[in-house]
N, C-alpha and C. Protein backbone atom coordinates (compact mmCIF):
# COMPACT_ATOMS: atom_id res chain seq x y z
N MET A 1 41.75 -27.29 -13.23
CA MET A 1 40.47 -26.65 -13.43
C MET A 1 39.69 -26.69 -12.12
N PHE A 2 39.20 -25.55 -11.70
CA PHE A 2 38.44 -25.44 -10.47
C PHE A 2 36.95 -25.37 -10.77
N ARG A 3 36.17 -25.96 -9.91
CA ARG A 3 34.71 -25.85 -10.00
C ARG A 3 34.30 -24.61 -9.23
N VAL A 4 33.61 -23.70 -9.88
CA VAL A 4 33.19 -22.44 -9.25
C VAL A 4 31.82 -22.62 -8.63
N ILE A 5 31.72 -22.23 -7.36
CA ILE A 5 30.45 -22.28 -6.64
C ILE A 5 30.13 -20.85 -6.23
N LEU A 6 28.95 -20.41 -6.58
CA LEU A 6 28.51 -19.06 -6.21
C LEU A 6 27.62 -19.13 -4.98
N HIS A 7 28.00 -18.41 -3.95
CA HIS A 7 27.18 -18.32 -2.75
C HIS A 7 25.89 -17.59 -3.10
N ARG A 8 24.85 -17.89 -2.39
CA ARG A 8 23.54 -17.28 -2.63
C ARG A 8 23.62 -15.76 -2.60
N ARG A 9 24.40 -15.22 -1.68
CA ARG A 9 24.56 -13.77 -1.58
C ARG A 9 25.25 -13.21 -2.83
N ALA A 10 26.27 -13.91 -3.31
CA ALA A 10 26.99 -13.46 -4.51
C ALA A 10 26.06 -13.48 -5.72
N ILE A 11 25.22 -14.48 -5.82
CA ILE A 11 24.27 -14.56 -6.94
C ILE A 11 23.35 -13.34 -6.93
N ASN A 12 22.82 -13.01 -5.77
CA ASN A 12 21.92 -11.85 -5.66
C ASN A 12 22.64 -10.56 -6.01
N GLU A 13 23.90 -10.43 -5.57
CA GLU A 13 24.65 -9.22 -5.87
C GLU A 13 24.96 -9.11 -7.36
N ILE A 14 25.28 -10.24 -8.00
CA ILE A 14 25.57 -10.24 -9.44
C ILE A 14 24.30 -9.88 -10.22
N ARG A 15 23.17 -10.41 -9.81
CA ARG A 15 21.91 -10.10 -10.50
C ARG A 15 21.56 -8.63 -10.43
N SER A 16 21.98 -7.96 -9.36
CA SER A 16 21.62 -6.55 -9.19
C SER A 16 22.53 -5.61 -9.98
N LEU A 17 23.60 -6.11 -10.58
CA LEU A 17 24.51 -5.27 -11.36
C LEU A 17 23.91 -4.89 -12.70
N GLN A 18 24.38 -3.78 -13.25
CA GLN A 18 23.98 -3.40 -14.60
C GLN A 18 24.62 -4.38 -15.58
N ASN A 19 24.04 -4.51 -16.77
CA ASN A 19 24.47 -5.51 -17.74
C ASN A 19 25.97 -5.48 -18.03
N LYS A 20 26.52 -4.31 -18.28
CA LYS A 20 27.93 -4.20 -18.63
C LYS A 20 28.83 -4.68 -17.48
N ASP A 21 28.50 -4.25 -16.27
CA ASP A 21 29.28 -4.66 -15.10
C ASP A 21 29.10 -6.15 -14.82
N ARG A 22 27.88 -6.64 -14.98
CA ARG A 22 27.60 -8.06 -14.76
C ARG A 22 28.43 -8.93 -15.70
N GLU A 23 28.51 -8.52 -16.97
CA GLU A 23 29.30 -9.29 -17.94
C GLU A 23 30.77 -9.32 -17.56
N ARG A 24 31.31 -8.18 -17.12
CA ARG A 24 32.72 -8.12 -16.73
C ARG A 24 33.00 -9.01 -15.53
N VAL A 25 32.12 -8.97 -14.54
CA VAL A 25 32.30 -9.78 -13.33
C VAL A 25 32.19 -11.26 -13.67
N LEU A 26 31.19 -11.63 -14.46
CA LEU A 26 31.02 -13.04 -14.82
C LEU A 26 32.19 -13.55 -15.67
N GLU A 27 32.73 -12.71 -16.53
CA GLU A 27 33.90 -13.09 -17.33
C GLU A 27 35.10 -13.32 -16.42
N ALA A 28 35.28 -12.47 -15.42
CA ALA A 28 36.38 -12.65 -14.47
C ALA A 28 36.22 -13.94 -13.69
N ILE A 29 35.00 -14.24 -13.26
CA ILE A 29 34.75 -15.49 -12.53
C ILE A 29 35.01 -16.69 -13.42
N LYS A 30 34.62 -16.60 -14.69
CA LYS A 30 34.87 -17.71 -15.61
C LYS A 30 36.37 -17.93 -15.80
N ASN A 31 37.15 -16.84 -15.88
CA ASN A 31 38.60 -16.96 -16.02
C ASN A 31 39.24 -17.57 -14.78
N MET A 32 38.60 -17.39 -13.63
CA MET A 32 39.13 -17.93 -12.39
C MET A 32 39.01 -19.45 -12.32
N GLU A 33 38.20 -20.05 -13.18
CA GLU A 33 38.08 -21.51 -13.22
C GLU A 33 39.43 -22.14 -13.53
N SER A 34 40.16 -21.58 -14.48
CA SER A 34 41.43 -22.17 -14.88
C SER A 34 42.59 -21.68 -14.02
N ASN A 35 42.56 -20.41 -13.61
CA ASN A 35 43.63 -19.86 -12.77
C ASN A 35 43.03 -18.84 -11.81
N PRO A 36 42.75 -19.25 -10.58
CA PRO A 36 42.10 -18.33 -9.64
C PRO A 36 42.95 -17.14 -9.24
N PHE A 37 44.26 -17.21 -9.47
CA PHE A 37 45.14 -16.12 -9.07
C PHE A 37 45.52 -15.22 -10.23
N SER A 38 44.82 -15.33 -11.36
CA SER A 38 45.08 -14.42 -12.47
C SER A 38 44.37 -13.10 -12.20
N GLY A 39 44.91 -12.04 -12.73
CA GLY A 39 44.32 -10.72 -12.50
C GLY A 39 44.83 -10.11 -11.21
N ASP A 40 44.13 -9.12 -10.72
CA ASP A 40 44.52 -8.40 -9.52
C ASP A 40 43.94 -9.11 -8.30
N VAL A 41 44.66 -10.11 -7.78
CA VAL A 41 44.19 -10.91 -6.66
C VAL A 41 45.11 -10.68 -5.47
N LYS A 42 44.51 -10.43 -4.33
CA LYS A 42 45.26 -10.24 -3.09
C LYS A 42 44.50 -10.90 -1.95
N PRO A 43 45.21 -11.35 -0.93
CA PRO A 43 44.51 -11.88 0.25
C PRO A 43 43.88 -10.75 1.05
N ILE A 44 42.78 -11.04 1.69
CA ILE A 44 42.16 -10.08 2.60
C ILE A 44 42.80 -10.33 3.97
N ARG A 45 43.51 -9.35 4.45
CA ARG A 45 44.33 -9.53 5.66
C ARG A 45 43.51 -9.88 6.89
N THR A 46 42.33 -9.35 7.01
CA THR A 46 41.54 -9.58 8.21
C THR A 46 40.80 -10.91 8.20
N LEU A 47 40.75 -11.56 7.06
CA LEU A 47 40.04 -12.85 6.94
C LEU A 47 41.01 -13.89 6.39
N ARG A 48 41.42 -14.79 7.21
CA ARG A 48 42.40 -15.79 6.82
C ARG A 48 41.83 -16.74 5.76
N GLY A 49 42.56 -16.91 4.67
CA GLY A 49 42.16 -17.83 3.62
C GLY A 49 41.19 -17.24 2.60
N VAL A 50 40.82 -15.98 2.76
CA VAL A 50 39.89 -15.33 1.84
C VAL A 50 40.68 -14.37 0.96
N PHE A 51 40.40 -14.43 -0.33
CA PHE A 51 41.06 -13.57 -1.30
C PHE A 51 40.06 -12.64 -1.94
N ARG A 52 40.57 -11.59 -2.58
CA ARG A 52 39.70 -10.72 -3.34
C ARG A 52 40.33 -10.46 -4.69
N ARG A 53 39.48 -10.34 -5.69
CA ARG A 53 39.92 -9.99 -7.03
C ARG A 53 39.24 -8.69 -7.43
N ARG A 54 40.01 -7.79 -8.01
CA ARG A 54 39.48 -6.50 -8.43
C ARG A 54 39.07 -6.60 -9.90
N VAL A 55 37.85 -6.15 -10.18
CA VAL A 55 37.32 -6.08 -11.54
C VAL A 55 36.72 -4.69 -11.69
N GLY A 56 37.52 -3.75 -12.17
CA GLY A 56 37.06 -2.37 -12.27
C GLY A 56 36.77 -1.81 -10.90
N ASP A 57 35.56 -1.30 -10.69
CA ASP A 57 35.16 -0.76 -9.39
C ASP A 57 34.65 -1.83 -8.44
N TYR A 58 34.59 -3.06 -8.89
CA TYR A 58 34.01 -4.14 -8.10
C TYR A 58 35.08 -5.05 -7.53
N ARG A 59 34.73 -5.71 -6.42
CA ARG A 59 35.61 -6.68 -5.78
C ARG A 59 34.86 -7.99 -5.66
N ILE A 60 35.60 -9.09 -5.86
CA ILE A 60 35.05 -10.43 -5.73
C ILE A 60 35.79 -11.11 -4.59
N ALA A 61 35.08 -11.50 -3.55
CA ALA A 61 35.68 -12.23 -2.43
C ALA A 61 35.47 -13.71 -2.67
N PHE A 62 36.55 -14.50 -2.47
CA PHE A 62 36.44 -15.93 -2.71
C PHE A 62 37.41 -16.71 -1.84
N VAL A 63 37.12 -17.98 -1.66
CA VAL A 63 38.00 -18.92 -0.97
C VAL A 63 38.25 -20.09 -1.92
N ILE A 64 39.37 -20.76 -1.71
CA ILE A 64 39.74 -21.88 -2.57
C ILE A 64 39.93 -23.12 -1.72
N ASN A 65 39.32 -24.21 -2.14
CA ASN A 65 39.53 -25.51 -1.53
C ASN A 65 40.34 -26.33 -2.52
N PHE A 66 41.65 -26.41 -2.29
CA PHE A 66 42.53 -27.10 -3.23
C PHE A 66 42.30 -28.60 -3.25
N GLU A 67 41.90 -29.18 -2.12
CA GLU A 67 41.67 -30.62 -2.06
C GLU A 67 40.51 -31.05 -2.95
N ALA A 68 39.46 -30.22 -2.99
CA ALA A 68 38.28 -30.55 -3.79
C ALA A 68 38.27 -29.81 -5.13
N ASN A 69 39.30 -29.00 -5.40
CA ASN A 69 39.36 -28.18 -6.62
C ASN A 69 38.12 -27.32 -6.77
N GLU A 70 37.76 -26.64 -5.69
CA GLU A 70 36.59 -25.78 -5.69
C GLU A 70 36.98 -24.34 -5.36
N LEU A 71 36.32 -23.42 -6.00
CA LEU A 71 36.47 -22.00 -5.73
C LEU A 71 35.09 -21.47 -5.37
N VAL A 72 34.94 -20.92 -4.19
CA VAL A 72 33.64 -20.45 -3.72
C VAL A 72 33.65 -18.92 -3.72
N VAL A 73 32.78 -18.33 -4.52
CA VAL A 73 32.63 -16.88 -4.57
C VAL A 73 31.66 -16.49 -3.46
N LEU A 74 32.15 -15.69 -2.52
CA LEU A 74 31.36 -15.33 -1.35
C LEU A 74 30.60 -14.03 -1.50
N LYS A 75 31.23 -13.05 -2.17
CA LYS A 75 30.65 -11.71 -2.20
C LYS A 75 31.14 -10.98 -3.43
N VAL A 76 30.28 -10.15 -4.00
CA VAL A 76 30.62 -9.27 -5.12
C VAL A 76 30.00 -7.91 -4.81
N SER A 77 30.83 -6.88 -4.72
CA SER A 77 30.28 -5.55 -4.49
C SER A 77 31.29 -4.49 -4.85
N LYS A 78 30.81 -3.24 -4.86
CA LYS A 78 31.71 -2.12 -5.13
C LYS A 78 32.69 -1.96 -3.98
N ARG A 79 33.81 -1.35 -4.28
CA ARG A 79 34.87 -1.19 -3.30
C ARG A 79 34.40 -0.46 -2.05
N GLU A 80 33.53 0.55 -2.23
CA GLU A 80 33.07 1.34 -1.09
C GLU A 80 32.36 0.50 -0.04
N LYS A 81 31.63 -0.51 -0.49
CA LYS A 81 30.85 -1.34 0.42
C LYS A 81 31.49 -2.70 0.69
N PHE A 82 32.52 -3.04 -0.05
CA PHE A 82 33.09 -4.38 0.00
C PHE A 82 33.64 -4.74 1.38
N TYR A 83 34.34 -3.81 2.02
CA TYR A 83 35.01 -4.12 3.28
C TYR A 83 34.14 -3.89 4.49
N GLU A 84 32.89 -3.51 4.29
CA GLU A 84 31.95 -3.39 5.41
C GLU A 84 31.50 -4.78 5.85
N GLU A 85 31.07 -4.89 7.05
CA GLU A 85 30.54 -6.15 7.54
C GLU A 85 29.27 -6.50 6.77
N PRO A 86 28.92 -7.79 6.69
CA PRO A 86 27.72 -8.19 5.95
C PRO A 86 26.53 -7.54 6.50
């Protein structure tokens, strides 16, 4: 079981989503507590150690600290804006 930590930026992005999309994203994050690699998860090639999970039109960027059993959600956004620089 992993402890999920939401970055301040991810929290703001989740709050800005419409209710239906917010529920889907939060459900995906909750499922990642038990298995972070479930669903459509791929590494982001340009960022070492960072993964992304696809949830409909949205992407969730996260890193995993296996030693501390922590999963840190860094970013949540639509695919069009996801790969842009912060």
